[in-house]
Amino acid sequence: MLSFDKLPYSNRGKFFFKRLFQNRFSFAFFVVIFFQASALAVLHAFLFTIDRNASQNIQSPPFVLPPRTFVKLEGPIFKVCNGTNLKAPAFDGTVECPVLAVNLEISPNLSISDGALASSAAGLAGPISFPLNVSQPCDTALLWALEFFQNSERDDLAFVALQAWLLLISILSIFKESTPDLIGALATTLLSTIWSMFAIKLTATGRSNFQTFVIQGACATALEEPGPATESLLLIGSAWDERLILNLVILCFNLIGLVASVVIARKMIKIFEVQRLAHAGSTEHINGILNVALALSASFTLSSFVLVTSMCLWINQLFNGGAIEEFSLHTPLYKALYISTLLLLIPWLALGNIAIKHENRRIMCTFLGICFVIVCCWSIMFYSIVYRYTFLTWPFFATMTVTSFVLMISTFIIGIACYRNFGKGLAHYLHVQRVLVDSDFASEYFTHDPRKPTIAIDPETPALAKK
């Protein structure tokens, strides 16, 4: 879109480093994002290892997990569902399974502390409930913990990819001197920070529920005598503590990175605006139109990443999610929608860039049409019971799905605004920038004296470009 799009690939590295070091704020922003993204990627990789080990411990002997089964913990009740008795979940997250329940008394004198079994006076008095047909309550209860850790594994991998994306979009913001891309990087950091806060709450709640309803409840009998079951439960219990500590460290890194990024980005935005106005032929009018175009570019790039992430989470759950995979009634249709969306995204991104560069109304209409189709197709997915169950019982998947819809709708709206700006001088301005680059003139080497009159670009008089 900008003046560097005609640069040979061999020169783009030099061009980036010139922009990286042209002021101290750009360099400082890159350093902050680089170290933040690297540190968080490593921390989430460690978190993935913890979750994977906990999942493997749950699936290893002596535990024999019941197949083809969903387990949902609602209060003191373990609801055990399968593909035949799972009704469409309500939108408050409640799952209905029409089976009778039998009560088990909680043993409040059992707890796991620092990876060891200990006695505790704390506990929830009263029974927990299991379906009448459950013969091994401990194994069944562990299915609930298994679902938590397996979903957390997918969350961890998504956040590793998110850090790579954060670094990429930050580099693009410096490379293009793009305020919208810079705001997109800050939004990504903010999203990561908010989720890290929520992850602490999820882990703390999960740890408390595991302690109360699994250790003191369903698995209390298995802990009465030392053995393989006791050792495995101790390892699983310690995983919650390790997760909580790592989540706190991740939150600290996110908060520090967010504050530093916002402080530096405020300076960078001011510099970007001044430098863009100093480019040959730029005016405040053209600068405003360019910002809309840059916002559209940043929006559809970010929305494509979030959409692909949410789709990958869903497909991974569908094909590696146990009962979800077995009881999904329309798996070939879901697979076809997933593949079709992936195949559409690459030309969709290309169409968006071409439409902006050349102010092509037909291509922009095609771009908006594909965006509308993608939103409609994935909205229909909520008709699926298993998709709705996954959405309501997996917080991170729900967050990414909602975010993808918000970004796609925002892209559609910004695209309409960009379409309305066609023919108002942006194409001519970008053409002038490309001509200057082809002539070995870089716009950042032009000086701008505000005391001298500025020649504004008028699309009605292209001869100005020749004078």
Foldseek 3Di string as FASTA:
>chain_A
DFLCPPPPPVCLVVLLVCLCVVDPLSVLLLVLLVVLLVVLLVLLVVLLVLLVVLLVLLVDPPADADFQWDWDDDPLETDIDHLPQWDQDDPLLDTDGPFAKDWWFFAQQWFADPLDIGGDPDADGDTGIDGPPDPQLLNHVVNVVSVVSVLSSLVSVLSNVLSVVLSVLSSVCSSRVALLSLVVSLVSLVVQLVVLVVQLVVLVVVLVCCGHPNCRTRCVVVCPDDDSVVNSSSSSSVSSVVSNVSSVVSNVSSVVSSVSSVVSSVVSNVVSVVLQCLFAQDDVVLVVLVNLLSNLLSLLVVLVSLVLSLLVSVVCCCVVVGSNVVSFPPVVVSVVLNVVVVVVSVVLSVLSVVCLQQVDLVSLVVSLVVLVVNLVVVVCVSVTSSVVSCLSPNPVSVVSVVVSNVSSVVSNVSSVVSNVCRPACNNVVSVLSNVCVVVVHHRSPGGDDPVDDHDHDGSVCSCVSVD
